[in-house]
Amino acid sequence: MGSKILNFFKRLSVTQKVILCILAFLVTGYIFCLPRHLFHVPYSTVVTDRNEELLGARIASDGQWRFPLRNTTPEKIKECLITFEDKHFYHHWGVNPFAIGRAFYQNVKNKRIVSGGSTLTMQTIRLARNESRTFREKLIEMIWATRLEFRASKEEILSMYISHAPFGGNVVGLDAAAWRYFGHSADDLSWAESAMLAVLPNAPAMIHLSKGRKTLLDKRNRLLKQLLEKKTIDSST
């Protein structure tokens, strides 16, 4: 087998050999481009009882309320998040070319950045890298996002995102946000609470007590209306 490959390589022209080497280099780079561990952040120390009720928590060493990584995403949050952020989450491989094209058109039309076209997978990469938003960084996010789709399941990607998304101030991750703002577990969130938390990472500064509250309420209500139109919830809910 090895001799056949060697003979095949010898029969190639110089140009073909160069192209083949470049392709091999690019494929190898793509395979190993994603770090083994995406997030290198400290987590809060959390104490719960046998029923998973919160007894106490200690802030993480970097000053953030960041509870440990979740393994699952509550169904209500999942539905709200996908409806609001990435309707085609289960149908793309990390990058949605239609969303990227639409965002490019909107940004050119408005002569400023009004849309990023990022999928939830790309946003997960952005949270992990925590770099300035540039065209180069967007390209890296797209490459890493497709690679992450090969490594992790959709549910794992959602869990990574929801565990590290910003929820205003020094509150990071769904669990910390649920206890901080509503006083109970993320698994017990209502549809209204879930919708509010789903729209918050898009603009976490809106949770400020003295500004942006009406905008936050409007975004939450628009999301609830979308869920009603999809028949995910009914009018009484």
Protein backbone atom coordinates (compact mmCIF):
# COMPACT_ATOMS: atom_id res chain seq x y z
CA MET A 1 0.00 0.00 0.00
CA GLY A 2 2.83 2.34 0.94
CA SER A 3 4.70 1.66 -2.32
CA LYS A 4 1.56 2.38 -4.36
CA ILE A 5 1.16 5.76 -2.66
CA LEU A 6 4.86 6.52 -3.22
CA ASN A 7 4.63 5.61 -6.92
CA PHE A 8 1.48 7.69 -7.31
CA PHE A 9 3.25 10.67 -5.72
CA LYS A 10 6.27 10.26 -8.01
CA ARG A 11 4.08 10.37 -11.11
CA LEU A 12 2.68 13.78 -10.14
CA SER A 13 4.04 16.96 -11.68
CA VAL A 14 5.80 19.53 -9.49
CA THR A 15 2.71 21.73 -9.49
CA GLN A 16 0.48 18.83 -8.46
CA LYS A 17 2.88 17.89 -5.68
CA VAL A 18 2.88 21.46 -4.33
CA ILE A 19 -0.92 21.61 -4.43
CA LEU A 20 -1.18 18.24 -2.69
CA CYS A 21 1.26 19.33 0.04
CA ILE A 22 -0.66 22.58 0.59
CA LEU A 23 -3.94 20.66 0.84
CA ALA A 24 -2.39 18.20 3.30
CA PHE A 25 -1.08 21.11 5.37
CA LEU A 26 -4.49 22.82 5.41
CA VAL A 27 -6.35 19.62 6.34
CA THR A 28 -3.88 18.89 9.14
CA GLY A 29 -4.18 22.46 10.40
CA TYR A 30 -7.97 22.20 10.36
CA ILE A 31 -7.98 18.93 12.27
CA PHE A 32 -5.76 20.30 15.05
CA CYS A 33 -6.95 23.93 15.09
CA LEU A 34 -9.40 23.48 17.96
CA PRO A 35 -7.93 23.30 21.49
CA ARG A 36 -8.78 20.22 23.53
CA HIS A 37 -10.40 22.42 26.19
CA LEU A 38 -12.21 25.50 24.88
CA PHE A 39 -12.79 27.28 28.18
CA HIS A 40 -10.07 28.03 30.71
CA VAL A 41 -12.05 29.91 33.36
CA PRO A 42 -12.59 29.44 37.11
CA TYR A 43 -16.00 28.40 38.41
CA SER A 44 -17.91 29.25 41.55
CA THR A 45 -18.01 26.78 44.42
CA VAL A 46 -21.65 25.67 44.71
CA VAL A 47 -23.28 23.74 47.55
CA THR A 48 -26.70 22.10 47.04
CA ASP A 49 -28.86 19.73 49.05
CA ARG A 50 -30.00 16.28 47.94
CA ASN A 51 -32.83 17.89 45.93
CA GLU A 52 -30.41 20.19 44.08
CA GLU A 53 -31.66 23.22 45.99
CA LEU A 54 -28.96 25.88 46.34
CA LEU A 55 -27.57 26.14 49.88
CA GLY A 56 -24.69 28.46 49.14
CA ALA A 57 -22.15 29.58 46.57
CA ARG A 58 -18.77 31.29 46.51
CA ILE A 59 -17.81 33.69 43.74
CA ALA A 60 -15.17 32.48 41.25
CA SER A 61 -11.59 33.67 41.62
CA ASP A 62 -11.99 36.13 38.72
CA GLY A 63 -14.90 37.88 40.44
CA GLN A 64 -17.63 36.28 38.32
CA TRP A 65 -20.67 34.34 39.44
CA ARG A 66 -20.03 31.43 37.08
CA PHE A 67 -21.57 28.14 38.16
CA PRO A 68 -20.03 24.84 36.95
CA LEU A 69 -20.65 23.64 33.40
CA ARG A 70 -24.12 22.25 32.73
CA ASN A 71 -24.57 18.88 31.05
CA THR A 72 -28.05 19.63 29.70
CA THR A 73 -30.13 22.64 28.70
CA PRO A 74 -33.70 22.98 30.04
CA GLU A 75 -36.28 22.54 27.26
CA LYS A 76 -37.86 25.98 27.71
CA ILE A 77 -34.52 27.77 27.53
CA LYS A 78 -33.49 25.61 24.57
CA GLU A 79 -36.65 26.50 22.63
CA CYS A 80 -36.37 30.21 23.47
CA LEU A 81 -32.68 30.39 22.66
CA ILE A 82 -32.94 28.65 19.29
CA THR A 83 -36.00 30.69 18.29
CA PHE A 84 -34.27 33.95 19.19
CA GLU A 85 -30.66 33.32 18.18
CA ASP A 86 -30.38 30.50 15.65
CA LYS A 87 -33.56 29.04 14.12
CA HIS A 88 -31.54 26.62 11.96
CA PHE A 89 -29.26 25.43 14.76
CA TYR A 90 -30.04 21.75 14.17
CA HIS A 91 -29.62 22.04 10.40
CA HIS A 92 -26.18 23.62 9.89
CA TRP A 93 -22.59 22.59 10.55
CA GLY A 94 -21.59 25.56 12.66
CA VAL A 95 -21.97 28.26 10.00
CA ASN A 96 -25.16 29.43 8.32
CA PRO A 97 -24.13 30.93 4.94
CA PHE A 98 -27.56 32.52 4.46
CA ALA A 99 -27.32 34.31 7.82
CA ILE A 100 -23.77 35.47 7.02
CA GLY A 101 -24.92 36.80 3.62
CA ARG A 102 -27.92 38.57 5.15
CA ALA A 103 -25.74 40.15 7.84
CA PHE A 104 -23.21 41.33 5.23
CA TYR A 105 -26.01 42.95 3.18
CA GLN A 106 -27.52 44.65 6.24
CA ASN A 107 -24.14 45.97 7.40
CA VAL A 108 -23.30 47.37 3.95
CA LYS A 109 -26.76 48.90 3.61
CA ASN A 110 -26.60 50.58 7.03
CA LYS A 111 -22.89 51.43 6.73
CA ARG A 112 -22.31 50.01 10.21
CA ILE A 113 -22.42 46.65 11.96
CA VAL A 114 -26.05 45.90 12.76
CA SER A 115 -25.88 42.11 12.47
CA GLY A 116 -23.18 39.48 12.86
CA GLY A 117 -24.92 36.46 11.38
CA SER A 118 -23.32 34.26 14.02
CA THR A 119 -24.75 30.85 14.83
CA LEU A 120 -24.89 29.60 18.42
CA THR A 121 -21.82 27.48 17.64
CA MET A 122 -19.91 30.56 16.47
CA GLN A 123 -21.03 32.46 19.56
CA THR A 124 -19.71 29.62 21.72
CA ILE A 125 -16.32 29.96 20.02
CA ARG A 126 -16.43 33.74 20.53
CA LEU A 127 -17.06 33.27 24.25
CA ALA A 128 -14.16 30.83 24.47
CA ARG A 129 -11.70 33.02 22.55
CA ASN A 130 -12.84 36.35 24.04
CA GLU A 131 -11.10 38.38 21.32
CA SER A 132 -11.94 41.70 19.64
CA ARG A 133 -14.61 41.49 16.94
CA THR A 134 -12.78 41.84 13.62
CA PHE A 135 -13.19 40.26 10.18
CA ARG A 136 -10.15 38.07 10.88
CA GLU A 137 -11.65 36.93 14.17
CA LYS A 138 -14.98 36.23 12.47
CA LEU A 139 -13.18 33.96 9.99
CA ILE A 140 -11.46 32.10 12.83
CA GLU A 141 -14.82 31.71 14.58
CA MET A 142 -16.32 30.21 11.43
CA ILE A 143 -13.46 27.71 11.01
CA TRP A 144 -13.44 26.70 14.68
CA ALA A 145 -17.26 26.46 14.71
CA THR A 146 -17.31 23.90 11.90
CA ARG A 147 -14.56 21.95 13.67
CA LEU A 148 -16.50 22.01 16.95
CA GLU A 149 -19.52 20.55 15.17
CA PHE A 150 -17.41 17.47 14.32
CA ARG A 151 -16.22 17.10 17.91
CA ALA A 152 -19.32 17.82 20.00
CA SER A 153 -23.03 17.10 19.73
CA LYS A 154 -25.57 19.89 19.35
CA GLU A 155 -26.65 19.37 22.97
CA GLU A 156 -23.05 19.67 24.19
CA ILE A 157 -22.58 22.89 22.21
CA LEU A 158 -25.76 24.35 23.70
CA SER A 159 -24.58 23.42 27.19
CA MET A 160 -21.20 25.07 26.60
CA TYR A 161 -22.86 28.23 25.33
CA ILE A 162 -25.46 28.53 28.07
CA SER A 163 -22.86 27.85 30.78
CA HIS A 164 -20.57 30.69 29.66
CA ALA A 165 -22.92 33.32 28.19
CA PRO A 166 -22.96 36.75 29.91
CA PHE A 167 -26.15 37.67 31.76
CA GLY A 168 -25.34 41.16 32.97
CA GLY A 169 -22.85 42.49 35.49
CA ASN A 170 -20.69 39.69 36.85
CA VAL A 171 -23.34 37.01 36.30
CA VAL A 172 -22.18 34.36 33.83
CA GLY A 173 -24.07 31.26 32.79
CA LEU A 174 -27.68 30.16 33.02
CA ASP A 175 -27.58 28.64 36.50
CA ALA A 176 -26.08 31.72 38.15
CA ALA A 177 -28.56 33.95 36.28
CA ALA A 178 -31.59 31.86 37.29
CA TRP A 179 -30.70 32.01 40.97
CA ARG A 180 -29.56 35.64 40.84
CA TYR A 181 -32.63 37.06 39.08
CA PHE A 182 -35.43 34.62 39.94
CA GLY A 183 -34.30 32.80 43.07
CA HIS A 184 -34.71 29.27 41.80
CA SER A 185 -33.14 26.58 39.61
CA ALA A 186 -32.85 26.97 35.84
CA ASP A 187 -34.91 23.79 35.50
CA ASP A 188 -37.87 25.56 37.15
CA LEU A 189 -37.91 28.68 34.94
CA SER A 190 -41.26 29.77 33.51
CA TRP A 191 -41.67 30.62 29.82
CA ALA A 192 -41.50 34.34 30.62
CA GLU A 193 -38.33 33.89 32.69
CA SER A 194 -36.79 31.64 30.04
CA ALA A 195 -37.54 34.17 27.30
CA MET A 196 -35.96 36.98 29.31
CA LEU A 197 -32.78 35.00 29.90
CA ALA A 198 -32.66 33.88 26.25
CA VAL A 199 -32.54 37.46 24.94
CA LEU A 200 -30.23 38.80 27.64
CA PRO A 201 -26.81 37.50 26.39
CA ASN A 202 -27.48 39.38 23.13
CA ALA A 203 -27.14 42.64 25.11
CA PRO A 204 -26.37 41.85 28.77
CA ALA A 205 -26.09 45.53 29.77
CA MET A 206 -29.90 45.79 29.51
CA ILE A 207 -30.30 44.19 32.93
CA HIS A 208 -29.10 47.44 34.52
CA LEU A 209 -31.72 48.67 36.98
CA SER A 210 -31.77 52.26 35.71
CA LYS A 211 -31.64 51.83 31.93
CA GLY A 212 -32.68 49.54 29.11
CA ARG A 213 -35.42 47.73 31.01
CA LYS A 214 -38.17 48.62 28.54
CA THR A 215 -36.02 47.45 25.62
CA LEU A 216 -35.40 44.18 27.44
CA LEU A 217 -39.13 43.78 28.09
CA ASP A 218 -39.95 44.48 24.43
CA LYS A 219 -37.41 41.91 23.21
CA ARG A 220 -38.73 39.32 25.64
CA ASN A 221 -42.32 39.96 24.56
CA ARG A 222 -41.42 39.72 20.87
CA LEU A 223 -39.83 36.35 21.55
CA LEU A 224 -42.92 35.15 23.43
CA LYS A 225 -45.04 36.27 20.48
CA GLN A 226 -42.85 34.22 18.13
CA LEU A 227 -43.29 31.19 20.37
CA LEU A 228 -47.04 31.73 20.28
CA GLU A 229 -47.03 31.96 16.49
CA LYS A 230 -45.05 28.70 16.35
CA LYS A 231 -47.64 27.16 18.69
CA THR A 232 -44.88 26.32 21.15
CA ILE A 233 -46.97 28.07 23.79
CA ASP A 234 -50.67 28.92 23.84
CA SER A 235 -52.39 32.25 24.47
CA SER A 236 -53.10 31.50 28.13
CA THR A 237 -49.43 30.78 28.76
